[in-house]
Protein backbone atom coordinates (compact mmCIF):
# COMPACT_ATOMS: atom_id res chain seq x y z
CA UNK A 1 112.57 105.10 154.65
CA UNK A 2 113.00 102.26 152.16
CA UNK A 3 109.92 100.94 150.42
CA UNK A 4 109.78 97.20 149.85
CA UNK A 5 108.96 96.99 146.13
CA UNK A 6 107.50 93.48 146.41
CA UNK A 7 105.10 94.60 149.16
CA UNK A 8 104.23 97.74 147.20
CA UNK A 9 103.50 95.64 144.11
CA UNK A 10 101.30 93.23 146.04
CA UNK A 11 99.41 96.09 147.68
CA UNK A 12 98.87 97.74 144.29
CA UNK A 13 97.58 94.53 142.77
CA UNK A 14 95.09 94.10 145.62
CA UNK A 15 93.99 97.73 145.24
CA UNK A 16 93.31 97.24 141.52
CA UNK A 17 91.50 93.92 142.16
CA UNK A 18 89.21 95.66 144.66
CA UNK A 19 88.30 98.34 142.11
CA UNK A 20 87.58 95.76 139.41
CA UNK A 21 85.36 93.85 141.83
CA UNK A 22 83.48 97.03 142.78
CA UNK A 23 82.76 97.85 139.12
CA UNK A 24 82.34 94.40 137.56
CA UNK A 25 81.52 91.99 140.37
CA UNK A 26 84.35 89.70 139.23
CA UNK A 27 87.02 88.74 141.76
CA UNK A 28 90.54 88.95 140.47
CA UNK A 29 93.36 87.57 142.58
CA UNK A 30 97.12 87.82 142.52
CA UNK A 31 98.83 85.25 140.33
CA UNK A 32 101.11 83.73 142.96
CA UNK A 33 103.02 81.82 140.28
CA UNK A 34 104.02 85.04 138.51
CA UNK A 35 107.52 85.40 139.91
CA UNK A 36 108.43 81.76 139.30
CA UNK A 37 106.90 81.49 135.84
CA UNK A 38 107.47 85.09 134.72
CA UNK A 39 103.75 85.47 134.22
CA UNK A 40 101.26 88.29 134.45
CA UNK A 41 100.00 89.69 137.74
CA UNK A 42 96.28 88.95 138.04
CA UNK A 43 93.96 86.04 137.34
CA UNK A 44 90.25 85.39 137.84
CA UNK A 45 89.32 83.60 141.06
CA UNK A 46 88.46 79.93 140.38
CA UNK A 47 84.96 80.33 141.85
CA UNK A 48 83.96 83.02 139.33
CA UNK A 49 81.58 81.88 136.56
CA UNK A 50 79.74 83.54 133.68
CA UNK A 51 80.51 85.48 130.53
CA UNK A 52 82.10 88.44 132.27
CA UNK A 53 84.43 86.21 134.29
CA UNK A 54 85.30 84.33 131.08
CA UNK A 55 86.08 87.64 129.37
CA UNK A 56 88.45 88.52 132.19
CA UNK A 57 90.04 85.06 131.89
CA UNK A 58 91.07 85.90 128.33
CA UNK A 59 93.22 88.78 129.63
CA UNK A 60 96.77 88.87 130.95
CA UNK A 61 96.68 91.82 133.35
CA UNK A 62 99.93 93.47 134.36
CA UNK A 63 99.82 96.05 137.22
CA UNK A 64 102.35 98.79 137.81
CA UNK A 65 102.53 101.40 140.57
CA UNK A 66 105.20 104.10 140.39
CA UNK A 67 105.65 107.55 141.84
CA UNK A 68 105.83 109.11 138.37
CA UNK A 69 104.73 107.54 135.10
CA UNK A 70 106.44 108.49 131.86
CA UNK A 71 105.79 107.52 128.24
CA UNK A 72 109.05 105.54 128.34
CA UNK A 73 107.88 103.51 131.32
CA UNK A 74 104.52 102.86 129.67
CA UNK A 75 106.27 101.61 126.54
CA UNK A 76 108.47 99.27 128.61
CA UNK A 77 105.52 98.02 130.65
CA UNK A 78 103.43 97.42 127.52
CA UNK A 79 106.26 95.36 126.02
CA UNK A 80 106.33 93.29 129.22
CA UNK A 81 102.54 92.85 129.21
CA UNK A 82 102.64 91.64 125.60
CA UNK A 83 105.52 89.24 126.22
CA UNK A 84 103.61 87.65 129.09
CA UNK A 85 100.25 87.48 127.30
CA UNK A 86 101.21 86.23 123.86
CA UNK A 87 102.73 82.82 124.82
CA UNK A 88 99.54 82.09 126.77
CA UNK A 89 97.21 83.11 123.92
CA UNK A 90 95.80 85.95 126.03
CA UNK A 91 95.14 89.64 125.40
CA UNK A 92 97.57 91.96 127.18
CA UNK A 93 96.25 94.59 129.57
CA UNK A 94 98.34 97.13 131.46
CA UNK A 95 96.95 98.79 134.58
CA UNK A 96 99.09 101.49 136.14
CA UNK A 97 98.87 104.26 138.70
CA UNK A 98 101.18 107.11 139.61
CA UNK A 99 101.18 108.68 143.06
CA UNK A 100 98.07 110.77 143.75
CA UNK A 101 96.56 109.74 140.39
CA UNK A 102 93.76 107.40 139.36
CA UNK A 103 94.36 104.00 137.83
CA UNK A 104 94.66 103.92 134.04
CA UNK A 105 94.14 100.80 131.95
CA UNK A 106 95.62 100.20 128.49
CA UNK A 107 94.06 97.62 126.19
CA UNK A 108 94.36 96.83 122.49
CA UNK A 109 91.68 98.52 120.37
CA UNK A 110 90.08 95.20 119.42
CA UNK A 111 88.97 94.78 123.05
CA UNK A 112 86.65 97.75 122.58
CA UNK A 113 85.55 96.85 119.08
CA UNK A 114 86.39 93.46 117.58
CA UNK A 115 86.36 94.93 114.06
CA UNK A 116 89.36 97.14 114.89
CA UNK A 117 92.98 96.14 114.39
CA UNK A 118 94.29 93.18 116.35
CA UNK A 119 97.74 94.79 116.28
CA UNK A 120 99.22 94.70 119.78
CA UNK A 121 101.59 97.61 119.27
CA UNK A 122 101.23 100.48 121.73
CA UNK A 123 100.04 102.69 118.86
CA UNK A 124 96.98 100.40 118.50
CA UNK A 125 95.80 100.70 122.10
CA UNK A 126 93.51 102.91 124.13
CA UNK A 127 93.76 104.15 127.69
CA UNK A 128 90.73 104.29 129.97
CA UNK A 129 89.65 104.45 133.58
CA UNK A 130 88.95 101.31 135.64
CA UNK A 131 85.22 102.00 135.31
CA UNK A 132 85.52 102.26 131.53
CA UNK A 133 87.65 99.13 131.38
CA UNK A 134 85.12 97.12 133.41
CA UNK A 135 82.26 98.38 131.25
CA UNK A 136 84.11 97.39 128.09
CA UNK A 137 84.94 93.91 129.40
CA UNK A 138 81.34 93.37 130.52
CA UNK A 139 80.07 94.23 127.03
CA UNK A 140 82.83 92.85 124.83
CA UNK A 141 83.08 89.15 125.66
CA UNK A 142 86.75 89.41 124.66
CA UNK A 143 87.37 85.68 124.57
CA UNK A 144 84.68 84.92 121.97
CA UNK A 145 85.74 84.20 118.44
CA UNK A 146 84.61 86.44 115.60
C-alpha cells in the first residue's frame, strides 16, 4: 500500500496542532501557502490574541513525520527549518515524530532562556516534549525584545 506523503504530512500537522491547542489553548493552523512560497508548516490562527499567541507568531514551525528518525534526518530538517525562519525574521522550531513515538520539539536555547546563545546551530538547541514546549512558549514571550 502506497502512502500519500502530502496527506501524511497534512495529517501530522493537524495532529501536532491539536496537541499544541490542548496544552496552550492557542490554535495553530496549516500554512496553506507553504508549498508555493517554500515556507514553514504552521501559523497561528488569525483569531488568536494575547501574549502566548504572539509568542507563537514569532516562531516558524516545521513538522516532520517519518517511520524512523535518525540524527542525519534531524540535521537536514533543522537546516530546512532555519532556512525558512531566517528570511522571515522568525525563530525556527522543528517538531517531529517517528512511528509509535511521542512528538519531540527542537528549539534554539534562547527560547528557553533569553540570556543563552542566539546561535541557531543544531548544537545550540534543546529537545523537549510538546507539553514542555508549550510551557516554555507560554512563559518565554519569545517575540519580545531584550
